Structures are given as C-alpha cells and as structure tokens.
Amino acid sequence: MRVSLCCTDTAPAPWLESLRSALPGAEVTQWQPGAALADYAVVWAPPQAFFDEQTRLRAAFNIGAGVDALLQLRIPSAVRLVRLDDAGMSVQMAEYVCHALIRHTRELGAYEAGMRQGRWSYRKPLARADFPVGIMGLGVLGERVARAVAQFDFPVNGWSRSPKAIAGVQCFAGKGQLPAFLAASRVLVCLLPLTEETRDIVNRSLLSQLQAGAYLINVARGAHVVDEDLLYMLSTGHLAGATLDVFRTEPLPPAHPFWTHPAITLTPHASARTLRSESIAQIAGKIAAMESGGPVAGLVDRQRGY
C-alpha cells in the first residue's frame, strides 16, 4: 500500500514521520510531479496536477475541516473524499467562539480601552438572556460550540440544513425556518460549510433579520460574508460589531477597511487548527476500515458540498 502526502503550506517532514509510524505497513512519500501511483492521499490545497497524475487513488483525506477548495478541482468520482471528523478542532472552536461572545457581552474591549487610557471605571453588567446566540451550522464543530455556549447560560438557537436535536438548544432547520431562527438571535455564529447555497449568505438581508444590536462571529469561510453589507449594517447601528477569523482573501489585503474598523475584531484564520497527532490517528483508522471493507465516517457528499 502506498500513501502520498500533498499538503501546500504545511511542513511535510513531521507529517511524513507520523504517518509512517501510524501506518507501518505502508510506503509513505511526499508527492512530487511524476511520483509513483499511490492508493491513498493525504492532502491540503493540492494542485490539479496531483489528481491528474494520481490515477490509482482510492481515497483522499483532507486534513482541514472544510472541503470547499478541494471540490473546485476535477477529481474522479471513483476517488472517495474524506474529511476529518474533528481532529481536535471542535474544542478549539468552542473556546474561540465563547471567548469572542464573552468578550462582547462582558464589554471587555471597552474595559481594555479604558485601562490603556488610565481610566478605572465600571460598566453595568448585561444580562445573558438579552443575548440569544444563533449557531448557523450544526455539524461536529457547530454542535460542540452550541453545547459550550449553553454552559454559560446563554439562550442558544441552532440552524441547519436538516433537522437536529441538541439538549439545551432550540433547533431550526431548512430555508423555511431561517427567518424565525434569525429573529430569535442577537449573536450570530457562522459555522456553515461553504457551498453554492451558502456562499454570500451573510448579507444585508440576513443581517437585518437579527435582533437590533446584533453581533457577528464568523469562523467558517470568508466567502459566507458579503463584506460591503457587513460594513453597511455596522454603519446603521443594527449590528454592534463583529469578530472575524476568516476572509474572502487571505491574508487580508493591507488596504481592507476591516483592519481599522473600531467595531471589528480580527484574527488570522486561527480559531481552530488541525492537530497532527489526532488527524493521523483518524486517517490511519479510516484507511484500516477501507482496507477491511468496513464503514468509514466523514465521506464527502459532492452534491451537498460537505
């Protein structure tokens, strides 16, 4: 069995060493043009040439949570695309969202600004009940985030493509229930997969349906948000602010207005990073399941886009 590693912008040596340790019976190599044909691939942002050359692949394992970039390539239907179930990302995402939410509702940014200016002052505490949180996307990451937010006694709503049931979360599903979900939410957390249906979904129309004084936390993909619409809703005051970890162009261009907007908090796509040890353990387990003909979790439905 041969496994090919093709990961752009990722140091290959640690991945190769760990994959060889986890798959002692396999020949694991880093892909180069003209390399021998492999049975399985471990990829992140691979070029089209990789799939053009690797005509014997049975499956390709994507080491990030999102597969939108992978689905832009021409990949034979016989190649099963597999995403990681978690790989240590869900707890990181829950930490990040809870931090952004609490920083906003506890007005920690205002306290920080005051202290930098030498001001010692207090602000009246805000009620959690006044900040119902809406989680868009209830996959592995979204469900973990929803449960974590609920632990801090915020009202939590969840919206997904198909019906879900999560203890402590009021769940909405489908386009028909999206308006009710938005009307019930003041803080919106975007954790949707990026598909043709969800591209540009966070636009002026959607944001205007949130409760007044709304707050946006986007940790999914930059292409979910229409930048101009977000800036407009901030200018009207209907949106109080936003925490953004992902952007339409990354790195964020130096002249982009997000950099200097006083109501926007930015981080460089750092909300949840793939953890190598957890990822490789999953990949090894899934390869073993495929070799034995067993079921494999995380298979990508190309029609749905995730």
C-alpha atoms as a PDB file:
ATOM      1  CA  MET A   1       0.000   0.000   0.000  1.00  0.00           C
ATOM      2  CA  ARG A   2       1.319   3.436  -0.960  1.00  0.00           C
ATOM      3  CA  VAL A   3       0.255   6.738   0.648  1.00  0.00           C
ATOM      4  CA  SER A   4       1.073  10.099  -0.917  1.00  0.00           C
ATOM      5  CA  LEU A   5       1.274  13.337   1.082  1.00  0.00           C
ATOM      6  CA  CYS A   6       0.461  16.528  -0.834  1.00  0.00           C
ATOM      7  CA  CYS A   7      -0.024  19.466   1.529  1.00  0.00           C
ATOM      8  CA  THR A   8       0.595  23.010   0.388  1.00  0.00           C
ATOM      9  CA  ASP A   9       1.911  25.454   3.010  1.00  0.00           C
ATOM     10  CA  THR A  10       2.436  22.625   5.525  1.00  0.00           C
ATOM     11  CA  ALA A  11       5.871  21.404   6.622  1.00  0.00           C
ATOM     12  CA  PRO A  12       5.928  17.827   5.271  1.00  0.00           C
ATOM     13  CA  ALA A  13       8.590  16.194   7.464  1.00  0.00           C
ATOM     14  CA  PRO A  14       6.551  15.844  10.709  1.00  0.00           C
ATOM     15  CA  TRP A  15       3.537  14.554   8.766  1.00  0.00           C
ATOM     16  CA  LEU A  16       5.630  12.008   6.872  1.00  0.00           C
ATOM     17  CA  GLU A  17       7.280  10.748  10.061  1.00  0.00           C
ATOM     18  CA  SER A  18       3.977  10.436  11.915  1.00  0.00           C
ATOM     19  CA  LEU A  19       2.162   8.789   9.010  1.00  0.00           C
ATOM     20  CA  ARG A  20       4.939   6.217   8.653  1.00  0.00           C
ATOM     21  CA  SER A  21       4.721   5.473  12.358  1.00  0.00           C
ATOM     22  CA  ALA A  22       0.919   5.095  12.241  1.00  0.00           C
ATOM     23  CA  LEU A  23       0.977   3.054   9.007  1.00  0.00           C
ATOM     24  CA  PRO A  24       3.998   0.737   9.439  1.00  0.00           C
ATOM     25  CA  GLY A  25       2.990  -1.475   6.524  1.00  0.00           C
ATOM     26  CA  ALA A  26       2.660   1.381   4.051  1.00  0.00           C
ATOM     27  CA  GLU A  27       5.109   3.239   1.847  1.00  0.00           C
ATOM     28  CA  VAL A  28       4.519   6.908   2.686  1.00  0.00           C
ATOM     29  CA  THR A  29       6.088   9.559   0.458  1.00  0.00           C
ATOM     30  CA  GLN A  30       5.763  13.246  -0.306  1.00  0.00           C
ATOM     31  CA  TRP A  31       4.271  13.827  -3.721  1.00  0.00           C
ATOM     32  CA  GLN A  32       6.385  15.292  -6.468  1.00  0.00           C
ATOM     33  CA  PRO A  33       5.401  15.520 -10.159  1.00  0.00           C
ATOM     34  CA  GLY A  34       5.980  12.144 -11.765  1.00  0.00           C
ATOM     35  CA  ALA A  35       5.815  10.230  -8.467  1.00  0.00           C
ATOM     36  CA  ALA A  36       4.701   6.604  -8.349  1.00  0.00           C
ATOM     37  CA  LEU A  37       0.966   5.969  -8.166  1.00  0.00           C
ATOM     38  CA  ALA A  38      -0.489   5.844  -4.656  1.00  0.00           C
ATOM     39  CA  ASP A  39      -3.523   4.103  -3.183  1.00  0.00           C
ATOM     40  CA  TYR A  40      -4.372   6.839  -0.676  1.00  0.00           C
ATOM     41  CA  ALA A  41      -3.635  10.549  -0.442  1.00  0.00           C
ATOM     42  CA  VAL A  42      -3.378  12.939   2.479  1.00  0.00           C
ATOM     43  CA  VAL A  43      -3.934  16.430   1.136  1.00  0.00           C
ATOM     44  CA  TRP A  44      -4.357  20.100   1.893  1.00  0.00           C
ATOM     45  CA  ALA A  45      -4.816  22.544  -1.006  1.00  0.00           C
ATOM     46  CA  PRO A  46      -3.316  20.145  -3.588  1.00  0.00           C
ATOM     47  CA  PRO A  47      -2.816  21.298  -7.195  1.00  0.00           C
ATOM     48  CA  GLN A  48      -4.938  19.898 -10.007  1.00  0.00           C
ATOM     49  CA  ALA A  49      -1.817  18.172 -11.332  1.00  0.00           C
ATOM     50  CA  PHE A  50      -1.798  15.880  -8.308  1.00  0.00           C
ATOM     51  CA  PHE A  51      -5.147  14.315  -9.184  1.00  0.00           C
ATOM     52  CA  ASP A  52      -4.360  14.358 -12.903  1.00  0.00           C
ATOM     53  CA  GLU A  53      -1.301  12.203 -12.236  1.00  0.00           C
ATOM     54  CA  GLN A  54      -2.542  10.040  -9.363  1.00  0.00           C
ATOM     55  CA  THR A  55      -4.930   7.834 -11.316  1.00  0.00           C
ATOM     56  CA  ARG A  56      -4.937   4.880  -8.885  1.00  0.00           C
ATOM     57  CA  LEU A  57      -6.238   6.660  -5.792  1.00  0.00           C
ATOM     58  CA  ARG A  58      -8.953   5.006  -3.752  1.00  0.00           C
ATOM     59  CA  ALA A  59      -9.424   7.913  -1.358  1.00  0.00           C
ATOM     60  CA  ALA A  60      -8.096  11.350  -0.480  1.00  0.00           C
ATOM     61  CA  PHE A  61      -8.096  12.553   3.131  1.00  0.00           C
ATOM     62  CA  ASN A  62      -8.455  16.307   3.614  1.00  0.00           C
ATOM     63  CA  ILE A  63      -6.634  17.493   6.741  1.00  0.00           C
ATOM     64  CA  GLY A  64      -8.779  20.598   7.228  1.00  0.00           C
ATOM     65  CA  ALA A  65     -12.401  20.878   8.284  1.00  0.00           C
ATOM     66  CA  GLY A  66     -13.630  22.478   5.055  1.00  0.00           C
ATOM     67  CA  VAL A  67     -13.540  20.738   1.673  1.00  0.00           C
ATOM     68  CA  ASP A  68     -14.771  23.636  -0.474  1.00  0.00           C
ATOM     69  CA  ALA A  69     -11.367  24.220  -2.106  1.00  0.00           C
ATOM     70  CA  LEU A  70     -10.970  20.506  -2.810  1.00  0.00           C
ATOM     71  CA  LEU A  71     -14.337  20.379  -4.558  1.00  0.00           C
ATOM     72  CA  GLN A  72     -13.195  23.041  -7.035  1.00  0.00           C
ATOM     73  CA  LEU A  73     -10.769  20.511  -8.541  1.00  0.00           C
ATOM     74  CA  ARG A  74     -11.506  17.836 -11.140  1.00  0.00           C
ATOM     75  CA  ILE A  75     -11.358  14.653  -9.084  1.00  0.00           C
ATOM     76  CA  PRO A  76     -12.590  11.319 -10.480  1.00  0.00           C
ATOM     77  CA  SER A  77     -15.805  10.103  -8.882  1.00  0.00           C
ATOM     78  CA  ALA A  78     -14.098   6.810  -8.003  1.00  0.00           C
ATOM     79  CA  VAL A  79     -11.873   8.679  -5.525  1.00  0.00           C
ATOM     80  CA  ARG A  80     -13.621   8.872  -2.191  1.00  0.00           C
ATOM     81  CA  LEU A  81     -13.095  12.224  -0.486  1.00  0.00           C
ATOM     82  CA  VAL A  82     -12.879  12.022   3.290  1.00  0.00           C
ATOM     83  CA  ARG A  83     -12.926  14.873   5.801  1.00  0.00           C
ATOM     84  CA  LEU A  84     -11.726  14.694   9.366  1.00  0.00           C
ATOM     85  CA  ASP A  85     -14.454  14.253  11.977  1.00  0.00           C
ATOM     86  CA  ASP A  86     -12.821  16.575  14.499  1.00  0.00           C
ATOM     87  CA  ALA A  87      -9.049  16.155  14.945  1.00  0.00           C
ATOM     88  CA  GLY A  88      -9.009  18.398  17.996  1.00  0.00           C
ATOM     89  CA  MET A  89     -10.667  21.303  16.198  1.00  0.00           C
ATOM     90  CA  SER A  90     -14.065  21.322  17.893  1.00  0.00           C
ATOM     91  CA  VAL A  91     -12.787  22.174  21.386  1.00  0.00           C
ATOM     92  CA  GLN A  92     -10.606  24.938  19.931  1.00  0.00           C
ATOM     93  CA  MET A  93     -13.590  26.318  18.039  1.00  0.00           C
ATOM     94  CA  ALA A  94     -15.734  26.229  21.176  1.00  0.00           C
ATOM     95  CA  GLU A  95     -13.010  28.102  23.087  1.00  0.00           C
ATOM     96  CA  TYR A  96     -12.715  30.724  20.398  1.00  0.00           C
ATOM     97  CA  VAL A  97     -16.440  31.372  19.998  1.00  0.00           C
ATOM     98  CA  CYS A  98     -17.023  31.511  23.750  1.00  0.00           C
ATOM     99  CA  HIS A  99     -14.127  33.939  24.126  1.00  0.00           C
ATOM    100  CA  ALA A 100     -15.479  36.219  21.376  1.00  0.00           C
ATOM    101  CA  LEU A 101     -19.008  36.015  22.784  1.00  0.00           C
ATOM    102  CA  ILE A 102     -17.966  36.747  26.377  1.00  0.00           C
ATOM    103  CA  ARG A 103     -15.573  39.497  25.329  1.00  0.00           C
ATOM    104  CA  HIS A 104     -18.519  41.210  23.627  1.00  0.00           C
ATOM    105  CA  THR A 105     -21.219  40.649  26.251  1.00  0.00           C
ATOM    106  CA  ARG A 106     -18.911  41.486  29.181  1.00  0.00           C
ATOM    107  CA  GLU A 107     -17.687  44.568  27.253  1.00  0.00           C
ATOM    108  CA  LEU A 108     -14.083  43.561  27.857  1.00  0.00           C
ATOM    109  CA  GLY A 109     -12.940  45.552  24.842  1.00  0.00           C
ATOM    110  CA  ALA A 110     -14.268  48.738  26.440  1.00  0.00           C
ATOM    111  CA  TYR A 111     -12.559  47.872  29.734  1.00  0.00           C
ATOM    112  CA  GLU A 112      -9.267  47.242  27.911  1.00  0.00           C
ATOM    113  CA  ALA A 113      -9.509  50.573  26.086  1.00  0.00           C
ATOM    114  CA  GLY A 114     -10.261  52.389  29.334  1.00  0.00           C
ATOM    115  CA  MET A 115      -7.340  50.839  31.173  1.00  0.00           C
ATOM    116  CA  ARG A 116      -4.961  51.755  28.342  1.00  0.00           C
ATOM    117  CA  GLN A 117      -6.140  55.343  28.763  1.00  0.00           C
ATOM    118  CA  GLY A 118      -5.632  55.225  32.522  1.00  0.00           C
ATOM    119  CA  ARG A 119      -9.356  55.101  33.345  1.00  0.00           C
ATOM    120  CA  TRP A 120     -10.565  52.933  36.247  1.00  0.00           C
ATOM    121  CA  SER A 121     -14.308  52.557  35.728  1.00  0.00           C
ATOM    122  CA  TYR A 122     -17.134  50.034  35.819  1.00  0.00           C
ATOM    123  CA  ARG A 123     -19.943  49.249  33.435  1.00  0.00           C
ATOM    124  CA  LYS A 124     -23.398  47.949  34.307  1.00  0.00           C
ATOM    125  CA  PRO A 125     -23.496  44.153  33.772  1.00  0.00           C
ATOM    126  CA  LEU A 126     -25.522  42.978  30.787  1.00  0.00           C
ATOM    127  CA  ALA A 127     -27.976  40.105  31.072  1.00  0.00           C
ATOM    128  CA  ARG A 128     -27.147  36.887  29.207  1.00  0.00           C
ATOM    129  CA  ALA A 129     -30.853  36.482  28.469  1.00  0.00           C
ATOM    130  CA  ASP A 130     -30.612  39.586  26.275  1.00  0.00           C
ATOM    131  CA  PHE A 131     -28.025  37.929  24.023  1.00  0.00           C
ATOM    132  CA  PRO A 132     -29.550  34.801  22.487  1.00  0.00           C
ATOM    133  CA  VAL A 133     -26.869  33.104  20.386  1.00  0.00           C
ATOM    134  CA  GLY A 134     -27.663  31.629  16.986  1.00  0.00           C
ATOM    135  CA  ILE A 135     -25.331  28.946  15.623  1.00  0.00           C
ATOM    136  CA  MET A 136     -25.574  28.533  11.848  1.00  0.00           C
ATOM    137  CA  GLY A 137     -24.344  25.042  11.047  1.00  0.00           C
ATOM    138  CA  LEU A 138     -24.750  22.142  13.453  1.00  0.00           C
ATOM    139  CA  GLY A 139     -22.125  19.693  12.267  1.00  0.00           C
ATOM    140  CA  VAL A 140     -19.419  18.323  14.560  1.00  0.00           C
ATOM    141  CA  LEU A 141     -17.968  21.788  15.192  1.00  0.00           C
ATOM    142  CA  GLY A 142     -21.297  23.602  15.397  1.00  0.00           C
ATOM    143  CA  GLU A 143     -22.797  21.159  17.864  1.00  0.00           C
ATOM    144  CA  ARG A 144     -19.729  21.382  20.136  1.00  0.00           C
ATOM    145  CA  VAL A 145     -19.915  25.187  20.029  1.00  0.00           C
ATOM    146  CA  ALA A 146     -23.643  25.188  20.791  1.00  0.00           C
ATOM    147  CA  ARG A 147     -23.165  22.934  23.820  1.00  0.00           C
ATOM    148  CA  ALA A 148     -20.287  25.052  25.101  1.00  0.00           C
ATOM    149  CA  VAL A 149     -22.216  28.319  24.769  1.00  0.00           C
ATOM    150  CA  ALA A 150     -25.187  26.795  26.570  1.00  0.00           C
ATOM    151  CA  GLN A 151     -22.928  26.012  29.551  1.00  0.00           C
ATOM    152  CA  PHE A 152     -22.592  29.752  30.136  1.00  0.00           C
ATOM    153  CA  ASP A 153     -26.393  30.095  30.408  1.00  0.00           C
ATOM    154  CA  PHE A 154     -26.911  31.968  27.152  1.00  0.00           C
ATOM    155  CA  PRO A 155     -30.096  31.120  25.249  1.00  0.00           C
ATOM    156  CA  VAL A 156     -28.893  29.079  22.256  1.00  0.00           C
ATOM    157  CA  ASN A 157     -30.548  28.613  18.867  1.00  0.00           C
ATOM    158  CA  GLY A 158     -29.228  26.362  16.125  1.00  0.00           C
ATOM    159  CA  TRP A 159     -29.954  26.275  12.414  1.00  0.00           C
ATOM    160  CA  SER A 160     -29.015  23.539   9.978  1.00  0.00           C
ATOM    161  CA  ARG A 161     -29.958  22.166   6.575  1.00  0.00           C
ATOM    162  CA  SER A 162     -31.689  19.147   8.101  1.00  0.00           C
ATOM    163  CA  PRO A 163     -33.416  18.784  11.494  1.00  0.00           C
ATOM    164  CA  LYS A 164     -31.213  18.252  14.561  1.00  0.00           C
ATOM    165  CA  ALA A 165     -31.972  17.686  18.251  1.00  0.00           C
ATOM    166  CA  ILE A 166     -29.446  19.008  20.792  1.00  0.00           C
ATOM    167  CA  ALA A 167     -30.189  19.256  24.502  1.00  0.00           C
ATOM    168  CA  GLY A 168     -30.410  22.874  25.624  1.00  0.00           C
ATOM    169  CA  VAL A 169     -30.577  24.208  22.061  1.00  0.00           C
ATOM    170  CA  GLN A 170     -33.658  25.416  20.198  1.00  0.00           C
ATOM    171  CA  CYS A 171     -33.127  23.901  16.757  1.00  0.00           C
ATOM    172  CA  PHE A 172     -34.393  25.259  13.436  1.00  0.00           C
ATOM    173  CA  ALA A 173     -33.970  23.605  10.040  1.00  0.00           C
ATOM    174  CA  GLY A 174     -34.280  24.434   6.374  1.00  0.00           C
ATOM    175  CA  LYS A 175     -34.928  27.657   4.491  1.00  0.00           C
ATOM    176  CA  GLY A 176     -38.463  27.852   5.834  1.00  0.00           C
ATOM    177  CA  GLN A 177     -37.300  28.197   9.437  1.00  0.00           C
ATOM    178  CA  LEU A 178     -34.344  30.519   8.772  1.00  0.00           C
ATOM    179  CA  PRO A 179     -36.323  33.765   9.368  1.00  0.00           C
ATOM    180  CA  ALA A 180     -37.573  32.518  12.742  1.00  0.00           C
ATOM    181  CA  PHE A 181     -34.030  31.482  13.713  1.00  0.00           C
ATOM    182  CA  LEU A 182     -32.656  34.908  12.833  1.00  0.00           C
ATOM    183  CA  ALA A 183     -35.448  36.764  14.626  1.00  0.00           C
ATOM    184  CA  ALA A 184     -34.690  34.736  17.772  1.00  0.00           C
ATOM    185  CA  SER A 185     -30.953  35.522  17.689  1.00  0.00           C
ATOM    186  CA  ARG A 186     -28.867  38.543  18.634  1.00  0.00           C
ATOM    187  CA  VAL A 187     -25.410  36.985  18.288  1.00  0.00           C
ATOM    188  CA  LEU A 188     -24.858  35.079  15.049  1.00  0.00           C
ATOM    189  CA  VAL A 189     -22.101  32.459  14.783  1.00  0.00           C
ATOM    190  CA  CYS A 190     -21.396  31.207  11.256  1.00  0.00           C
ATOM    191  CA  LEU A 191     -20.143  27.616  11.152  1.00  0.00           C
ATOM    192  CA  LEU A 192     -21.643  26.581   7.830  1.00  0.00           C
ATOM    193  CA  PRO A 193     -19.795  24.615   5.166  1.00  0.00           C
ATOM    194  CA  LEU A 194     -19.106  26.711   2.083  1.00  0.00           C
ATOM    195  CA  THR A 195     -21.317  25.583  -0.788  1.00  0.00           C
ATOM    196  CA  GLU A 196     -23.010  27.343  -3.685  1.00  0.00           C
ATOM    197  CA  GLU A 197     -26.103  27.622  -1.471  1.00  0.00           C
ATOM    198  CA  THR A 198     -24.248  29.220   1.445  1.00  0.00           C
ATOM    199  CA  ARG A 199     -21.854  31.496  -0.451  1.00  0.00           C
ATOM    200  CA  ASP A 200     -22.700  35.156   0.376  1.00  0.00           C
ATOM    201  CA  ILE A 201     -25.426  34.024   2.797  1.00  0.00           C
ATOM    202  CA  VAL A 202     -24.398  36.556   5.464  1.00  0.00           C
ATOM    203  CA  ASN A 203     -25.596  39.589   3.546  1.00  0.00           C
ATOM    204  CA  ARG A 204     -27.590  42.739   4.271  1.00  0.00           C
ATOM    205  CA  SER A 205     -30.917  40.914   4.094  1.00  0.00           C
ATOM    206  CA  LEU A 206     -29.877  38.197   6.544  1.00  0.00           C
ATOM    207  CA  LEU A 207     -28.159  40.544   8.999  1.00  0.00           C
ATOM    208  CA  SER A 208     -31.168  42.869   9.039  1.00  0.00           C
ATOM    209  CA  GLN A 209     -33.335  39.998  10.336  1.00  0.00           C
ATOM    210  CA  LEU A 210     -31.252  39.623  13.501  1.00  0.00           C
ATOM    211  CA  GLN A 211     -32.283  41.387  16.683  1.00  0.00           C
ATOM    212  CA  ALA A 212     -31.193  45.020  16.986  1.00  0.00           C
ATOM    213  CA  GLY A 213     -27.670  45.476  18.327  1.00  0.00           C
ATOM    214  CA  ALA A 214     -26.621  42.149  16.792  1.00  0.00           C
ATOM    215  CA  TYR A 215     -23.089  40.759  16.799  1.00  0.00           C
ATOM    216  CA  LEU A 216     -21.470  38.503  14.170  1.00  0.00           C
ATOM    217  CA  ILE A 217     -18.819  35.835  14.784  1.00  0.00           C
ATOM    218  CA  ASN A 218     -17.576  34.236  11.555  1.00  0.00           C
ATOM    219  CA  VAL A 219     -15.314  31.203  11.943  1.00  0.00           C
ATOM    220  CA  ALA A 220     -16.392  29.320   8.822  1.00  0.00           C
ATOM    221  CA  ARG A 221     -15.293  30.830   5.493  1.00  0.00           C
ATOM    222  CA  GLY A 222     -14.790  34.410   4.399  1.00  0.00           C
ATOM    223  CA  ALA A 223     -16.956  33.895   1.327  1.00  0.00           C
ATOM    224  CA  HIS A 224     -20.009  33.436   3.544  1.00  0.00           C
ATOM    225  CA  VAL A 225     -19.962  37.159   4.335  1.00  0.00           C
ATOM    226  CA  VAL A 226     -20.589  39.995   1.889  1.00  0.00           C
ATOM    227  CA  ASP A 227     -18.010  42.479   3.184  1.00  0.00           C
ATOM    228  CA  GLU A 228     -19.784  45.604   1.934  1.00  0.00           C
ATOM    229  CA  ASP A 229     -23.060  44.502   3.521  1.00  0.00           C
ATOM    230  CA  LEU A 230     -21.395  43.857   6.862  1.00  0.00           C
ATOM    231  CA  LEU A 231     -19.822  47.323   6.833  1.00  0.00           C
ATOM    232  CA  TYR A 232     -23.165  48.875   5.905  1.00  0.00           C
ATOM    233  CA  MET A 233     -25.014  47.130   8.747  1.00  0.00           C
ATOM    234  CA  LEU A 234     -22.345  48.304  11.175  1.00  0.00           C
ATOM    235  CA  SER A 235     -22.782  51.868   9.933  1.00  0.00           C
ATOM    236  CA  THR A 236     -26.551  51.739  10.589  1.00  0.00           C
ATOM    237  CA  GLY A 237     -26.058  50.559  14.163  1.00  0.00           C
ATOM    238  CA  HIS A 238     -28.231  47.479  13.642  1.00  0.00           C
ATOM    239  CA  LEU A 239     -25.021  45.482  14.008  1.00  0.00           C
ATOM    240  CA  ALA A 240     -22.962  46.373  17.077  1.00  0.00           C
ATOM    241  CA  GLY A 241     -19.800  44.632  15.983  1.00  0.00           C
ATOM    242  CA  ALA A 242     -18.150  41.508  14.641  1.00  0.00           C
ATOM    243  CA  THR A 243     -15.343  39.059  15.325  1.00  0.00           C
ATOM    244  CA  LEU A 244     -13.897  37.697  12.081  1.00  0.00           C
ATOM    245  CA  ASP A 245     -11.395  34.869  11.779  1.00  0.00           C
ATOM    246  CA  VAL A 246     -11.824  34.171   8.046  1.00  0.00           C
ATOM    247  CA  PHE A 247     -11.839  36.404   4.992  1.00  0.00           C
ATOM    248  CA  ARG A 248     -12.635  36.352   1.286  1.00  0.00           C
ATOM    249  CA  THR A 249      -8.944  36.955   0.530  1.00  0.00           C
ATOM    250  CA  GLU A 250      -6.318  35.584   2.912  1.00  0.00           C
ATOM    251  CA  PRO A 251      -4.116  37.137   4.107  1.00  0.00           C
ATOM    252  CA  LEU A 252      -6.451  40.100   4.439  1.00  0.00           C
ATOM    253  CA  PRO A 253      -5.259  42.807   1.992  1.00  0.00           C
ATOM    254  CA  PRO A 254      -3.482  45.738   3.742  1.00  0.00           C
ATOM    255  CA  ALA A 255      -5.976  48.325   2.476  1.00  0.00           C
ATOM    256  CA  HIS A 256      -9.097  46.411   3.528  1.00  0.00           C
ATOM    257  CA  PRO A 257     -11.408  48.501   5.772  1.00  0.00           C
ATOM    258  CA  PHE A 258     -11.777  45.653   8.269  1.00  0.00           C
ATOM    259  CA  TRP A 259      -8.254  46.365   9.567  1.00  0.00           C
ATOM    260  CA  THR A 260      -9.149  49.735  11.035  1.00  0.00           C
ATOM    261  CA  HIS A 261     -12.853  49.400  11.828  1.00  0.00           C
ATOM    262  CA  PRO A 262     -13.318  50.067  15.561  1.00  0.00           C
ATOM    263  CA  ALA A 263     -16.177  47.561  15.934  1.00  0.00           C
ATOM    264  CA  ILE A 264     -14.424  44.619  14.241  1.00  0.00           C
ATOM    265  CA  THR A 265     -12.037  42.214  15.993  1.00  0.00           C
ATOM    266  CA  LEU A 266      -9.755  40.247  13.658  1.00  0.00           C
ATOM    267  CA  THR A 267      -7.712  37.062  13.949  1.00  0.00           C
ATOM    268  CA  PRO A 268      -5.680  35.396  11.128  1.00  0.00           C
ATOM    269  CA  HIS A 269      -7.705  32.197  10.485  1.00  0.00           C
ATOM    270  CA  ALA A 270      -6.585  30.823  13.834  1.00  0.00           C
ATOM    271  CA  SER A 271      -9.846  29.804  15.525  1.00  0.00           C
ATOM    272  CA  ALA A 272      -9.213  26.052  15.163  1.00  0.00           C
ATOM    273  CA  ARG A 273      -6.035  24.492  13.826  1.00  0.00           C
ATOM    274  CA  THR A 274      -5.645  20.906  12.693  1.00  0.00           C
ATOM    275  CA  LEU A 275      -3.775  18.867  15.318  1.00  0.00           C
ATOM    276  CA  ARG A 276      -1.401  16.468  13.611  1.00  0.00           C
ATOM    277  CA  SER A 277      -1.488  13.553  16.065  1.00  0.00           C
ATOM    278  CA  GLU A 278      -5.289  13.430  16.209  1.00  0.00           C
ATOM    279  CA  SER A 279      -5.547  13.820  12.426  1.00  0.00           C
ATOM    280  CA  ILE A 280      -3.143  10.991  11.673  1.00  0.00           C
ATOM    281  CA  ALA A 281      -4.822   8.657  14.153  1.00  0.00           C
ATOM    282  CA  GLN A 282      -8.114   9.269  12.355  1.00  0.00           C
ATOM    283  CA  ILE A 283      -6.598   8.821   8.904  1.00  0.00           C
ATOM    284  CA  ALA A 284      -4.914   5.553   9.907  1.00  0.00           C
ATOM    285  CA  GLY A 285      -8.189   4.266  11.346  1.00  0.00           C
ATOM    286  CA  LYS A 286     -10.139   5.196   8.233  1.00  0.00           C
ATOM    287  CA  ILE A 287      -7.578   3.573   5.929  1.00  0.00           C
ATOM    288  CA  ALA A 288      -7.770   0.393   8.003  1.00  0.00           C
ATOM    289  CA  ALA A 289     -11.567   0.456   7.694  1.00  0.00           C
ATOM    290  CA  MET A 290     -11.348   0.894   3.925  1.00  0.00           C
ATOM    291  CA  GLU A 291      -8.824  -1.923   3.592  1.00  0.00           C
ATOM    292  CA  SER A 292     -11.136  -4.252   5.506  1.00  0.00           C
ATOM    293  CA  GLY A 293     -14.261  -3.103   3.664  1.00  0.00           C
ATOM    294  CA  GLY A 294     -15.806  -1.546   6.754  1.00  0.00           C
ATOM    295  CA  PRO A 295     -17.828   1.677   7.051  1.00  0.00           C
ATOM    296  CA  VAL A 296     -15.956   4.980   7.056  1.00  0.00           C
ATOM    297  CA  ALA A 297     -17.205   8.170   8.691  1.00  0.00           C
ATOM    298  CA  GLY A 298     -16.637  11.567   7.107  1.00  0.00           C
ATOM    299  CA  LEU A 299     -17.242  10.677   3.459  1.00  0.00           C
ATOM    300  CA  VAL A 300     -17.909  13.859   1.487  1.00  0.00           C
ATOM    301  CA  ASP A 301     -21.176  14.133  -0.413  1.00  0.00           C
ATOM    302  CA  ARG A 302     -20.099  16.035  -3.514  1.00  0.00           C
ATOM    303  CA  GLN A 303     -23.655  17.049  -4.357  1.00  0.00           C
ATOM    304  CA  ARG A 304     -24.176  18.696  -0.959  1.00  0.00           C
ATOM    305  CA  GLY A 305     -20.662  20.100  -0.872  1.00  0.00           C
ATOM    306  CA  TYR A 306     -19.594  18.668   2.507  1.00  0.00           C
END
